[in-house]
Amino acid sequence: MLDFQAVGKQIHNLRARNGYSQDGLAEILYVTRQAVSRWELGQTLPSVDNLAELCKLFNVSFEEILCMGQPAKFSEDDLFKGHSREFVMNSILNGKLKVSLPDVLYQFSPKERLAILKAVKERKIKTDMAELTPKLTENERIYMGGIIKL
């Protein structure tokens, strides 16, 4: 899965390094400045045609623009800093990002917590339940198999 925010930072860096404004780049690619802004903010990705044009314009490969092969860097203090929530969640659920769930659980929304707990319950993610249990809400404890006494 692509990290839209990392790709956006890469596009921003390449644009700035090559001396283009968002307006100037938008004009070359026949898109709006707002489209370039959304790419750089990691809200959307350029079309394949625009990616090909960016690669030619900046003299870089698709892999470089899309940050492929570059390991993502995460901070346990803020897992989502510089990354989309979807990218972080998929990285955890797919086992590509190993974190101490008891230490980072507070950073997740209720829906994200449920997805993580489902993966723990299905043994797709390993964690120390003795450390995790005190961090769970009562409903989360019930979901995990009944009320667990602390």
Protein backbone atom coordinates (compact mmCIF):
# COMPACT_ATOMS: atom_id res chain seq x y z
CA MET A 1 0.00 0.00 0.00
CA LEU A 2 1.21 3.48 -0.81
CA ASP A 3 1.65 6.08 1.90
CA PHE A 4 -0.14 9.06 0.36
CA GLN A 5 1.44 11.51 2.79
CA ALA A 6 4.97 10.29 2.04
CA VAL A 7 4.26 10.55 -1.70
CA GLY A 8 2.88 14.05 -1.15
CA LYS A 9 6.02 15.11 0.70
CA GLN A 10 8.12 13.66 -2.10
CA ILE A 11 6.18 15.59 -4.76
CA HIS A 12 6.49 18.77 -2.70
CA ASN A 13 10.25 18.28 -2.25
CA LEU A 14 10.79 17.52 -5.94
CA ARG A 15 8.69 20.52 -6.98
CA ALA A 16 10.54 22.88 -4.64
CA ARG A 17 13.97 21.45 -5.53
CA ASN A 18 13.22 22.06 -9.21
CA GLY A 19 12.01 25.61 -8.62
CA TYR A 20 8.34 25.22 -9.49
CA SER A 21 5.45 26.86 -7.69
CA GLN A 22 2.24 24.91 -7.28
CA ASP A 23 0.67 27.18 -9.90
CA GLY A 24 3.56 26.63 -12.31
CA LEU A 25 3.49 22.87 -11.93
CA ALA A 26 -0.29 22.83 -12.30
CA GLU A 27 -0.04 24.82 -15.53
CA ILE A 28 2.51 22.38 -17.01
CA LEU A 29 0.36 19.35 -16.10
CA TYR A 30 -2.97 20.98 -17.08
CA VAL A 31 -4.41 20.52 -13.59
CA THR A 32 -5.50 23.01 -10.97
CA ARG A 33 -3.24 24.36 -8.26
CA GLN A 34 -5.67 22.77 -5.81
CA ALA A 35 -4.97 19.35 -7.37
CA VAL A 36 -1.24 19.84 -6.80
CA SER A 37 -1.96 20.98 -3.25
CA ARG A 38 -4.08 17.85 -2.57
CA TRP A 39 -1.25 15.66 -3.88
CA GLU A 40 1.26 17.38 -1.63
CA LEU A 41 -1.02 17.09 1.40
CA GLY A 42 -1.40 13.37 0.77
CA GLN A 43 -5.13 13.65 0.19
CA THR A 44 -5.00 12.22 -3.33
CA LEU A 45 -2.44 10.84 -5.77
CA PRO A 46 -1.77 12.08 -9.29
CA SER A 47 -3.19 10.05 -12.16
CA VAL A 48 -0.85 7.62 -13.89
CA ASP A 49 -0.50 10.11 -16.76
CA ASN A 50 0.44 12.89 -14.35
CA LEU A 51 2.86 10.59 -12.52
CA ALA A 52 4.56 9.82 -15.83
CA GLU A 53 4.84 13.55 -16.58
CA LEU A 54 6.21 14.25 -13.09
CA CYS A 55 8.82 11.53 -13.57
CA LYS A 56 9.95 13.11 -16.85
CA LEU A 57 9.85 16.65 -15.49
CA PHE A 58 11.84 15.83 -12.34
CA ASN A 59 13.97 13.11 -13.99
CA VAL A 60 13.07 10.47 -11.39
CA SER A 61 11.55 6.98 -11.50
CA PHE A 62 8.01 5.99 -10.56
CA GLU A 63 9.50 4.13 -7.62
CA GLU A 64 11.20 7.28 -6.35
CA ILE A 65 8.11 9.47 -6.67
CA LEU A 66 5.92 6.81 -5.02
CA CYS A 67 8.48 6.21 -2.22
CA MET A 68 8.57 2.51 -3.02
CA GLY A 69 11.32 0.55 -1.37
CA GLN A 70 11.81 3.23 1.27
CA PRO A 71 11.01 1.98 4.74
CA ALA A 72 8.40 4.09 6.49
CA LYS A 73 9.55 5.73 9.70
CA PHE A 74 7.16 5.79 12.62
CA SER A 75 7.31 7.39 16.02
CA GLU A 76 5.54 5.54 18.83
CA ASP A 77 4.75 8.94 20.37
CA ASP A 78 2.66 9.79 17.28
CA LEU A 79 2.20 6.88 14.88
CA PHE A 80 0.23 9.01 12.46
CA LYS A 81 2.72 11.85 12.14
CA GLY A 82 3.52 12.06 8.45
CA HIS A 83 1.35 9.06 7.56
CA SER A 84 -2.27 8.53 6.68
CA ARG A 85 -4.35 6.66 9.23
CA GLU A 86 -5.19 4.04 6.60
CA PHE A 87 -1.49 3.42 5.89
CA VAL A 88 -0.67 3.02 9.59
CA MET A 89 -3.62 0.70 10.21
CA ASN A 90 -2.81 -1.48 7.20
CA SER A 91 0.84 -1.61 8.23
CA ILE A 92 -0.12 -2.87 11.70
CA LEU A 93 -2.81 -5.28 10.51
CA ASN A 94 -0.51 -6.72 7.82
CA GLY A 95 2.32 -7.20 10.30
CA LYS A 96 4.63 -4.71 8.56
CA LEU A 97 4.62 -2.40 11.56
CA LYS A 98 5.34 -3.94 14.93
CA VAL A 99 4.28 -1.79 17.87
CA SER A 100 3.63 -2.29 21.54
CA LEU A 101 -0.16 -2.16 21.47
CA PRO A 102 -0.52 -1.32 25.18
CA ASP A 103 1.72 1.72 24.64
CA VAL A 104 0.02 3.07 21.50
CA LEU A 105 -3.62 1.97 21.78
CA TYR A 106 -4.70 5.42 22.99
CA GLN A 107 -3.78 6.90 19.59
CA PHE A 108 -6.48 4.98 17.75
CA SER A 109 -10.12 5.86 17.15
CA PRO A 110 -12.79 3.48 18.51
CA LYS A 111 -13.25 1.96 15.04
CA GLU A 112 -9.49 1.47 14.63
CA ARG A 113 -9.22 -0.03 18.11
CA LEU A 114 -11.92 -2.54 17.22
CA ALA A 115 -10.08 -3.54 14.03
CA ILE A 116 -6.87 -4.03 16.02
CA LEU A 117 -8.64 -6.02 18.74
CA LYS A 118 -10.28 -8.18 16.08
CA ALA A 119 -6.83 -8.98 14.68
CA VAL A 120 -5.56 -9.77 18.20
CA LYS A 121 -8.57 -11.99 18.84
CA GLU A 122 -7.98 -13.81 15.53
CA ARG A 123 -4.29 -14.19 16.50
CA LYS A 124 -3.10 -12.15 13.52
CA ILE A 125 -1.36 -9.74 15.89
CA LYS A 126 0.46 -10.77 19.04
CA THR A 127 0.42 -8.69 22.18
CA ASP A 128 0.76 -9.06 25.91
CA MET A 129 -2.88 -9.25 27.04
CA ALA A 130 -1.92 -8.66 30.67
CA GLU A 131 -0.54 -5.26 29.66
CA LEU A 132 -3.24 -4.50 27.11
CA THR A 133 -6.29 -5.38 29.20
CA PRO A 134 -6.08 -2.40 31.59
CA LYS A 135 -6.07 -0.09 28.55
CA LEU A 136 -9.34 -1.50 27.20
CA THR A 137 -12.80 -0.10 27.74
CA GLU A 138 -15.37 -2.34 29.36
CA ASN A 139 -17.00 -3.02 25.98
CA GLU A 140 -13.62 -3.88 24.49
CA ARG A 141 -12.98 -6.34 27.31
CA ILE A 142 -16.37 -7.94 26.68
CA TYR A 143 -15.55 -8.16 22.96
CA MET A 144 -12.27 -9.87 23.76
CA GLY A 145 -14.08 -12.70 25.46
CA GLY A 146 -15.79 -11.52 28.56
CA ILE A 147 -15.01 -9.18 31.38
CA ILE A 148 -11.39 -9.69 32.32
CA LYS A 149 -10.73 -8.95 35.97
CA LEU A 150 -7.88 -6.59 36.56
